Protein backbone atom coordinates (compact mmCIF):
# COMPACT_ATOMS: atom_id res chain seq x y z
CA MET A 1 31.50 17.87 -8.76
CA GLY A 2 30.24 17.74 -12.33
CA ARG A 3 31.43 14.17 -12.69
CA PHE A 4 29.57 13.18 -9.52
CA ARG A 5 26.41 14.90 -10.76
CA ALA A 6 26.67 13.03 -14.05
CA PHE A 7 27.17 9.81 -12.09
CA LEU A 8 23.90 10.38 -10.21
CA ARG A 9 22.10 11.63 -13.31
CA SER A 10 22.86 8.52 -15.30
CA GLY A 11 22.07 6.03 -12.56
CA ASP A 12 25.35 4.21 -13.25
CA PHE A 13 25.87 3.84 -9.50
CA LEU A 14 23.08 1.21 -9.47
CA THR A 15 25.35 -1.68 -10.33
CA ARG A 16 24.25 -5.25 -9.82
CA SER A 17 26.81 -5.80 -7.07
CA ARG A 18 25.69 -2.71 -5.14
CA MET A 19 22.00 -3.61 -5.41
CA THR A 20 22.73 -7.16 -4.27
CA ALA A 21 24.82 -5.97 -1.33
CA TRP A 22 22.19 -3.49 -0.14
CA ALA A 23 19.36 -5.99 -0.49
CA VAL A 24 21.26 -8.69 1.41
CA LEU A 25 22.22 -6.20 4.12
CA LEU A 26 18.65 -5.01 4.57
CA VAL A 27 17.12 -8.50 4.57
CA ALA A 28 19.67 -9.54 7.21
CA ALA A 29 18.89 -6.42 9.26
CA PHE A 30 15.15 -7.15 9.02
CA ALA A 31 15.72 -10.71 10.20
CA ILE A 32 17.84 -9.57 13.16
CA ALA A 33 15.31 -6.91 14.19
CA ILE A 34 12.38 -9.33 14.00
CA GLY A 35 14.39 -11.95 15.89
CA TRP A 36 15.10 -9.37 18.59
CA LEU A 37 11.39 -8.54 18.85
CA ALA A 38 10.60 -12.22 19.27
CA PHE A 39 13.40 -12.76 21.82
CA THR A 40 12.34 -9.81 23.99
CA ALA A 41 8.61 -10.57 23.77
CA HIS A 42 6.44 -11.51 26.74
CA GLY A 43 3.78 -13.87 25.44
CA THR A 44 1.78 -11.96 22.83
CA THR A 45 3.30 -8.54 23.68
CA ASP A 46 6.64 -6.96 22.84
CA TYR A 47 9.21 -5.31 25.12
CA ALA A 48 7.10 -2.11 25.24
CA GLY A 49 3.85 -3.87 26.12
CA ARG A 50 2.38 -3.60 22.62
CA PRO A 51 0.90 -6.63 20.89
CA LEU A 52 3.41 -8.30 18.57
CA GLY A 53 2.51 -7.28 15.04
CA SER A 54 0.85 -4.33 16.74
CA ASP A 55 -1.64 -3.30 14.08
CA PHE A 56 -2.69 -6.89 13.43
CA SER A 57 -4.12 -6.84 16.96
CA ASN A 58 -7.14 -4.81 15.79
CA VAL A 59 -7.80 -7.33 13.01
CA TYR A 60 -7.64 -10.22 15.46
CA ALA A 61 -9.82 -8.46 18.04
CA ALA A 62 -12.40 -7.66 15.37
CA GLY A 63 -12.38 -11.29 14.28
CA VAL A 64 -12.92 -12.46 17.85
CA ALA A 65 -15.91 -10.12 18.24
CA ALA A 66 -17.38 -11.32 14.94
CA LEU A 67 -16.99 -14.96 15.96
CA HIS A 68 -18.85 -14.21 19.18
CA GLY A 69 -21.80 -12.81 17.25
CA ASP A 70 -21.03 -9.12 17.71
CA ALA A 71 -19.67 -8.13 14.30
CA ALA A 72 -20.72 -4.50 14.80
CA ALA A 73 -18.49 -4.11 17.90
CA PRO A 74 -15.21 -3.38 16.03
CA PHE A 75 -16.77 -0.23 14.56
CA ASP A 76 -17.28 1.21 18.07
CA ILE A 77 -13.88 2.42 19.29
CA ALA A 78 -14.74 1.84 22.97
CA ARG A 79 -15.92 -1.74 22.44
CA GLN A 80 -13.01 -2.47 20.11
CA SER A 81 -10.52 -1.17 22.67
CA ALA A 82 -12.16 -3.22 25.44
CA GLN A 83 -11.86 -6.34 23.28
CA GLU A 84 -8.16 -5.63 22.66
CA ARG A 85 -7.50 -5.13 26.37
CA ALA A 86 -9.31 -8.38 27.17
CA ILE A 87 -7.00 -10.24 24.78
CA PHE A 88 -3.66 -8.50 25.33
CA GLY A 89 -3.88 -6.88 28.77
CA ALA A 90 -5.18 -3.75 30.46
CA ALA A 91 -2.21 -1.60 29.32
CA THR A 92 -2.78 -2.26 25.62
CA PRO A 93 -2.84 0.94 23.52
CA ILE A 94 -5.89 1.55 21.35
CA TYR A 95 -5.66 0.12 17.85
CA GLY A 96 -8.76 1.23 16.00
CA TRP A 97 -10.59 -0.78 13.36
CA HIS A 98 -11.03 1.49 10.33
CA TYR A 99 -11.92 -1.04 7.64
CA PRO A 100 -15.23 -1.61 5.88
CA PRO A 101 -17.09 -4.82 6.77
CA PHE A 102 -15.46 -6.69 3.87
CA PHE A 103 -12.32 -7.25 5.94
CA LEU A 104 -14.27 -9.20 8.55
CA LEU A 105 -14.29 -12.06 6.02
CA ILE A 106 -10.53 -12.32 6.66
CA ALA A 107 -10.47 -11.32 10.33
CA ALA A 108 -12.99 -13.90 11.52
CA PRO A 109 -11.22 -17.01 10.11
CA LEU A 110 -7.87 -15.79 11.45
CA ALA A 111 -9.39 -15.32 14.92
CA ARG A 112 -10.15 -19.04 15.10
CA LEU A 113 -6.41 -19.52 15.70
CA PRO A 114 -4.49 -18.44 18.80
CA TYR A 115 -3.02 -14.97 18.30
CA LEU A 116 0.60 -15.80 17.50
CA PRO A 117 -0.20 -18.59 14.99
CA ALA A 118 -2.77 -16.27 13.38
CA LEU A 119 -0.14 -13.53 13.08
CA VAL A 120 2.39 -15.91 11.54
CA VAL A 121 -0.15 -17.34 9.08
CA TRP A 122 -1.24 -13.82 8.08
CA GLN A 123 2.32 -12.60 7.56
CA ILE A 124 3.58 -15.62 5.65
CA LEU A 125 0.54 -16.03 3.38
CA THR A 126 0.35 -12.36 2.41
CA LEU A 127 4.13 -12.13 1.93
CA LEU A 128 4.01 -15.14 -0.40
CA LEU A 129 1.08 -13.58 -2.29
CA TYR A 130 3.12 -10.39 -2.71
CA LEU A 131 6.14 -12.29 -4.06
CA ALA A 132 3.99 -14.41 -6.40
CA ALA A 133 2.21 -11.32 -7.74
CA MET A 134 5.51 -9.53 -8.30
CA ALA A 135 6.84 -12.53 -10.23
CA LEU A 136 3.71 -12.51 -12.38
CA LEU A 137 4.01 -8.78 -12.97
CA LEU A 138 7.64 -9.07 -14.06
CA ARG A 139 6.84 -11.92 -16.45
CA ARG A 140 4.38 -9.61 -18.19
CA SER A 141 6.51 -6.49 -17.99
CA ALA A 142 8.49 -4.79 -20.74
CA ASP A 143 11.49 -6.95 -19.81
CA PRO A 144 10.22 -10.47 -18.95
CA ALA A 145 13.81 -11.64 -18.42
CA LEU A 146 13.71 -9.86 -15.06
CA ALA A 147 11.39 -12.59 -13.75
CA ARG A 148 14.18 -15.14 -14.30
CA ASP A 149 16.79 -12.99 -12.61
CA ARG A 150 17.68 -14.16 -9.11
CA LEU A 151 18.19 -10.57 -8.00
CA TRP A 152 14.53 -9.53 -8.06
CA PRO A 153 13.38 -11.63 -5.06
CA LEU A 154 16.17 -10.09 -2.99
CA LEU A 155 15.13 -6.59 -4.06
CA ALA A 156 11.46 -7.40 -3.39
CA LEU A 157 12.28 -8.66 0.11
CA GLY A 158 14.81 -5.90 0.83
CA PHE A 159 12.29 -3.19 -0.08
CA THR A 160 12.00 -1.35 3.22
CA ALA A 161 8.19 -1.25 3.29
CA VAL A 162 8.44 -5.02 3.78
CA PHE A 163 10.02 -4.41 7.18
CA VAL A 164 7.26 -1.93 8.13
CA ASN A 165 4.62 -4.55 7.31
CA LEU A 166 6.40 -7.40 9.04
CA THR A 167 6.81 -5.49 12.29
CA HIS A 168 3.30 -4.03 12.28
CA GLY A 169 1.43 -7.07 10.96
CA HIS A 170 -0.37 -4.95 8.42
CA ASN A 171 -2.04 -5.56 5.08
CA GLY A 172 0.37 -3.84 2.71
CA PHE A 173 1.50 -7.17 1.25
CA LEU A 174 -2.08 -8.02 0.30
CA THR A 175 -2.75 -4.59 -1.19
CA ALA A 176 0.44 -4.69 -3.28
CA ALA A 177 -0.30 -8.27 -4.38
CA LEU A 178 -3.81 -7.40 -5.58
CA PHE A 179 -2.63 -4.32 -7.47
CA ALA A 180 0.34 -6.13 -9.04
CA ALA A 181 -1.63 -9.22 -10.11
CA ALA A 182 -4.58 -7.18 -11.42
CA ILE A 183 -2.28 -5.03 -13.56
CA ALA A 184 -0.36 -8.09 -14.79
CA LEU A 185 -3.53 -9.90 -15.88
CA LEU A 186 -5.35 -6.91 -17.35
CA ASP A 187 -4.67 -7.79 -21.00
CA GLU A 188 -4.81 -11.60 -20.92
CA ARG A 189 -7.42 -12.22 -18.21
CA PRO A 190 -9.57 -9.07 -17.96
CA LEU A 191 -12.32 -10.70 -15.87
CA LEU A 192 -9.86 -12.11 -13.33
CA SER A 193 -8.10 -8.75 -13.26
CA GLY A 194 -11.42 -7.11 -12.45
CA MET A 195 -12.09 -9.56 -9.65
CA LEU A 196 -8.73 -8.74 -8.11
CA PHE A 197 -9.39 -5.02 -8.38
CA GLY A 198 -12.78 -5.65 -6.77
CA LEU A 199 -11.15 -7.36 -3.80
CA LEU A 200 -9.43 -4.06 -3.05
CA ALA A 201 -12.78 -2.85 -1.71
CA TYR A 202 -11.35 -3.54 1.74
CA LYS A 203 -9.13 -0.47 1.13
CA PRO A 204 -11.70 1.94 -0.36
CA GLN A 205 -9.38 4.95 -0.07
CA PHE A 206 -7.41 3.53 -3.01
CA ALA A 207 -10.48 2.76 -5.11
CA LEU A 208 -11.04 6.19 -6.68
CA VAL A 209 -8.42 5.97 -9.40
CA ILE A 210 -9.05 2.35 -10.43
CA PRO A 211 -12.42 2.84 -12.20
CA LEU A 212 -11.19 6.13 -13.66
CA ALA A 213 -8.23 4.43 -15.32
CA LEU A 214 -10.18 1.38 -16.47
CA ILE A 215 -13.03 3.41 -17.94
CA ALA A 216 -10.58 5.78 -19.65
CA ALA A 217 -8.95 2.77 -21.32
CA GLY A 218 -12.31 1.24 -22.27
CA ARG A 219 -11.74 -1.82 -20.08
CA TRP A 220 -15.44 -2.42 -19.55
CA ARG A 221 -15.20 -6.17 -18.90
CA THR A 222 -12.73 -5.49 -16.11
CA VAL A 223 -14.92 -2.72 -14.68
CA LEU A 224 -17.98 -4.96 -14.65
CA ALA A 225 -16.04 -7.83 -13.07
CA ALA A 226 -14.76 -5.49 -10.35
CA ALA A 227 -18.25 -4.15 -9.65
CA ALA A 228 -19.73 -7.66 -9.54
CA THR A 229 -17.01 -8.72 -7.10
CA VAL A 230 -17.79 -5.83 -4.75
CA VAL A 231 -21.50 -6.67 -4.87
CA ALA A 232 -20.77 -10.35 -4.17
CA LEU A 233 -18.55 -9.39 -1.23
CA ALA A 234 -21.27 -7.13 0.18
CA LEU A 235 -23.86 -9.88 -0.08
CA ALA A 236 -21.49 -12.37 1.56
CA VAL A 237 -20.75 -9.99 4.44
CA THR A 238 -24.44 -9.31 5.00
CA ALA A 239 -25.29 -13.01 4.92
CA VAL A 240 -22.52 -13.97 7.35
CA PHE A 241 -22.47 -11.04 9.79
CA GLY A 242 -25.88 -9.40 9.37
CA ALA A 243 -27.01 -6.11 7.87
CA GLY A 244 -26.17 -4.23 11.10
CA VAL A 245 -22.48 -4.04 10.19
CA TRP A 246 -23.18 -1.47 7.47
CA PRO A 247 -24.73 1.32 9.58
CA ALA A 248 -22.10 0.59 12.25
CA PHE A 249 -19.36 1.07 9.66
CA LEU A 250 -20.88 4.30 8.33
CA GLU A 251 -21.15 5.69 11.85
CA SER A 252 -17.53 4.78 12.57
CA THR A 253 -16.26 6.83 9.64
CA HIS A 254 -16.93 10.00 11.64
CA PHE A 255 -14.37 8.96 14.27
CA THR A 256 -11.87 7.91 11.59
CA ARG A 257 -12.25 11.18 9.70
CA VAL A 258 -12.29 13.60 12.64
CA VAL A 259 -10.05 12.02 15.29
CA VAL A 260 -7.66 9.84 13.31
CA LEU A 261 -7.26 11.93 10.15
CA GLU A 262 -8.14 15.56 10.86
CA GLN A 263 -6.86 15.71 14.45
CA GLY A 264 -3.97 13.40 13.63
CA SER A 265 -4.29 11.03 16.60
CA THR A 266 -2.30 8.47 14.61
CA GLY A 267 0.41 11.07 14.02
CA PHE A 268 0.72 13.21 10.92
CA ASN A 269 4.25 11.91 10.47
CA LYS A 270 2.82 8.41 9.99
CA ILE A 271 0.15 9.42 7.48
CA GLN A 272 1.68 9.63 4.01
CA SER A 273 -0.60 12.03 2.15
CA ILE A 274 -0.86 15.59 0.87
CA PHE A 275 -3.51 16.24 3.54
CA ALA A 276 -1.19 15.13 6.35
CA TRP A 277 1.66 17.15 4.85
CA ALA A 278 -0.46 20.29 5.01
CA ARG A 279 -1.66 19.55 8.55
CA MET A 280 1.89 18.83 9.70
CA TRP A 281 2.88 22.31 8.51
CA GLY A 282 0.04 23.91 10.46
CA ALA A 283 -2.62 24.28 7.79
CA PRO A 284 -6.23 24.34 9.02
CA VAL A 285 -8.37 21.35 8.12
CA SER A 286 -10.19 23.19 5.32
CA LEU A 287 -6.93 24.24 3.63
CA ALA A 288 -5.49 20.73 3.99
CA TYR A 289 -8.57 19.29 2.28
CA ALA A 290 -8.29 21.92 -0.45
CA ALA A 291 -4.65 20.99 -1.08
CA GLN A 292 -5.54 17.30 -1.19
CA ALA A 293 -8.48 17.98 -3.52
CA LEU A 294 -6.29 20.00 -5.90
CA VAL A 295 -3.65 17.28 -6.14
CA THR A 296 -6.33 14.60 -6.45
CA LEU A 297 -7.99 16.40 -9.35
CA LEU A 298 -4.70 17.00 -11.16
CA VAL A 299 -3.59 13.40 -10.70
CA ALA A 300 -6.99 12.02 -11.73
CA PHE A 301 -7.08 14.20 -14.85
CA SER A 302 -3.55 13.26 -15.88
CA LEU A 303 -4.15 9.58 -15.14
CA VAL A 304 -7.21 9.53 -17.41
CA ARG A 305 -5.16 11.12 -20.21
CA LEU A 306 -2.34 8.66 -19.65
CA TRP A 307 -4.60 5.59 -19.69
CA ARG A 308 -6.34 6.85 -22.83
CA SER A 309 -3.00 7.26 -24.58
CA ALA A 310 -0.83 4.73 -26.41
CA ALA A 311 1.62 4.71 -23.50
CA ALA A 312 3.34 1.46 -22.59
CA THR A 313 1.44 -0.74 -20.15
CA GLY A 314 4.27 -0.51 -17.63
CA TYR A 315 3.98 3.27 -17.38
CA LYS A 316 0.21 3.04 -17.03
CA GLY A 317 0.43 0.42 -14.28
CA ALA A 318 3.12 2.31 -12.36
CA ALA A 319 1.15 5.54 -12.63
CA LEU A 320 -1.96 3.80 -11.28
CA CYS A 321 -0.07 2.57 -8.19
CA LEU A 322 1.40 6.02 -7.52
CA ALA A 323 -1.93 7.74 -8.18
CA ALA A 324 -3.63 5.50 -5.61
CA LEU A 325 -1.24 6.86 -2.98
CA LEU A 326 -1.46 10.47 -4.14
CA THR A 327 -5.25 10.79 -4.31
CA THR A 328 -6.20 9.70 -0.80
CA PRO A 329 -5.83 11.78 2.37
CA TYR A 330 -5.39 8.60 4.42
CA SER A 331 -2.52 6.24 3.71
CA LEU A 332 0.17 5.17 6.15
CA ASP A 333 3.76 4.07 5.71
CA TYR A 334 2.80 0.41 5.37
CA ASP A 335 0.66 1.41 2.36
CA LEU A 336 3.90 2.41 0.64
CA MET A 337 4.08 -1.27 -0.33
CA LEU A 338 2.25 0.02 -3.43
CA LEU A 339 5.58 1.46 -4.51
CA ALA A 340 6.88 -2.09 -5.08
CA PRO A 341 4.91 -2.85 -8.29
CA ALA A 342 5.49 0.72 -9.48
CA ILE A 343 9.26 0.43 -9.05
CA ALA A 344 9.30 -3.00 -10.73
CA LEU A 345 7.35 -1.77 -13.76
CA LEU A 346 9.46 1.37 -14.11
CA ALA A 347 12.67 -0.62 -13.81
CA ALA A 348 11.51 -2.96 -16.59
CA GLU A 349 10.50 -0.06 -18.83
CA GLY A 350 13.78 1.71 -18.11
CA ARG A 351 15.84 -1.32 -19.09
CA VAL A 352 14.06 -1.42 -22.45
CA ARG A 353 13.51 2.28 -23.21
CA GLY A 354 16.14 3.96 -21.07
CA PHE A 355 15.73 5.92 -17.86
CA ALA A 356 14.98 9.61 -17.52
CA PRO A 357 17.74 11.75 -15.98
CA TYR A 358 18.05 11.03 -12.24
CA GLU A 359 15.26 8.43 -12.45
CA GLY A 360 17.56 5.68 -11.19
CA LEU A 361 18.38 7.82 -8.15
CA LEU A 362 14.67 8.53 -7.60
CA LEU A 363 13.69 4.86 -7.79
CA ALA A 364 16.48 3.96 -5.36
CA ALA A 365 15.22 6.63 -2.94
CA LEU A 366 11.67 5.27 -3.16
CA TRP A 367 13.00 1.76 -2.46
CA PHE A 368 14.88 2.92 0.66
CA LEU A 369 12.33 5.44 1.88
CA PRO A 370 9.38 3.63 3.56
CA ALA A 371 11.13 2.38 6.70
CA ALA A 372 12.40 5.88 7.50
CA ALA A 373 9.52 8.01 6.24
CA ARG A 374 7.71 8.45 9.57
CA GLU A 375 10.93 9.02 11.54
CA ILE A 376 12.24 11.65 9.12
CA ALA A 377 8.89 13.44 9.12
CA GLY A 378 8.64 13.22 12.91
CA VAL A 379 12.08 14.75 13.50
CA THR A 380 12.32 17.27 10.66
CA HIS A 381 8.63 17.90 9.81
CA ILE A 382 9.60 17.21 6.22
CA PRO A 383 7.27 14.54 4.76
CA VAL A 384 9.76 13.11 2.28
CA ALA A 385 7.47 10.41 0.85
CA MET A 386 4.90 12.58 -0.90
CA PRO A 387 7.33 14.91 -2.72
CA LEU A 388 9.28 11.95 -4.10
CA ILE A 389 6.12 10.10 -5.17
CA LEU A 390 4.81 13.27 -6.82
CA LEU A 391 8.14 13.71 -8.58
CA GLU A 392 8.15 10.14 -9.93
CA TYR A 393 4.55 10.50 -11.08
CA GLY A 394 5.58 13.68 -12.87
CA VAL A 395 8.48 11.85 -14.53
CA ILE A 396 6.08 9.21 -15.88
CA TYR A 397 3.67 11.86 -17.16
CA TRP A 398 6.50 13.79 -18.81
CA ARG A 399 7.90 10.70 -20.51
CA VAL A 400 4.51 9.73 -21.89
CA ARG A 401 3.33 13.24 -22.76
CA GLU A 402 6.38 14.08 -24.85
CA LYS A 403 5.67 11.06 -27.06
CA TRP A 404 1.91 11.45 -27.47
CA GLY A 405 1.09 11.46 -31.14
CA LYS A 406 4.26 9.47 -31.89
CA GLY A 407 2.89 6.01 -31.11
CA ALA A 408 3.49 3.98 -27.98
CA ALA A 409 5.71 5.59 -25.36
């Protein structure tokens, strides 16, 4: 038993052959599952009557409404649902539009295509952006040789959050690509990095920790570039779709907060947050918010300290990705794509500086976790994602904190 514990503690079980075999197996399984969905589809709907790429349907429906001159319609759940039923059939479930108006700049052009070509274009382009950003991140990591290793694309594609995004047609690839590229370019191209961070305004729930980290590190050029990008996006949205989209969006946040988040209409097992964890275990809304606020404050405080320190860039970047997930009450399993750049950065740092005890096991668990997170939580009421993400964030903080005052960690 002791030998087995030492085996797990050291991470020696993560051999190249094992990682290759698991990645190949998962990529093949993803391909078979997606092929089965396509084979059993009926036009634009799957075997269960849901739109293929189910969550992309709300993006497409919003784009259609915007193209027809009614850009405020997606923010009204009844009008959005009617638009979805008009496109996909009367039995279509409701897929709400919970994005700020910025995302209409993507939805409207995609809606000029028929649905299935739009879905394919969206999936392929954002997947390629994710892979390109990961390659860039690895080239600027602690171990740039990883970018030349043929294993990393397999691991990036075998990461199980990829399957969640491919089957749901969601935006996790884009979110991970923007985070990864912005972190990679922070030192060499601070203005471009800021622009990429600014583009994340379409996912405002992840925006809290970005300015905190950048300001703590004195990255003022990046902060200003991010702010200017958000302003430019807002002006573009207003010019294209009219000022009415902003009050419509603000009004829609009540439905998103009360029905989707607090009442859990999406399913608390699908929402990967401290808030959803508390609600899943029966906590009242006020207590769930208090738990989320406590974790958010602790993570924000520790992230500021970390980004002000002489810690290695890889640890800072990984902590930022994990903190983005930990500090919001509303993130779903497809948002766990943010684990991809974190895992890559931590793997590169570990190869250079060594891994903490059991860190290899923890990173492997985070790599396998996303595709099963909602099912495990739904069956056992144990939200496995958040405890593991919290644990890895704690590992980063511990590694950096023990070396503060001793130079770069």
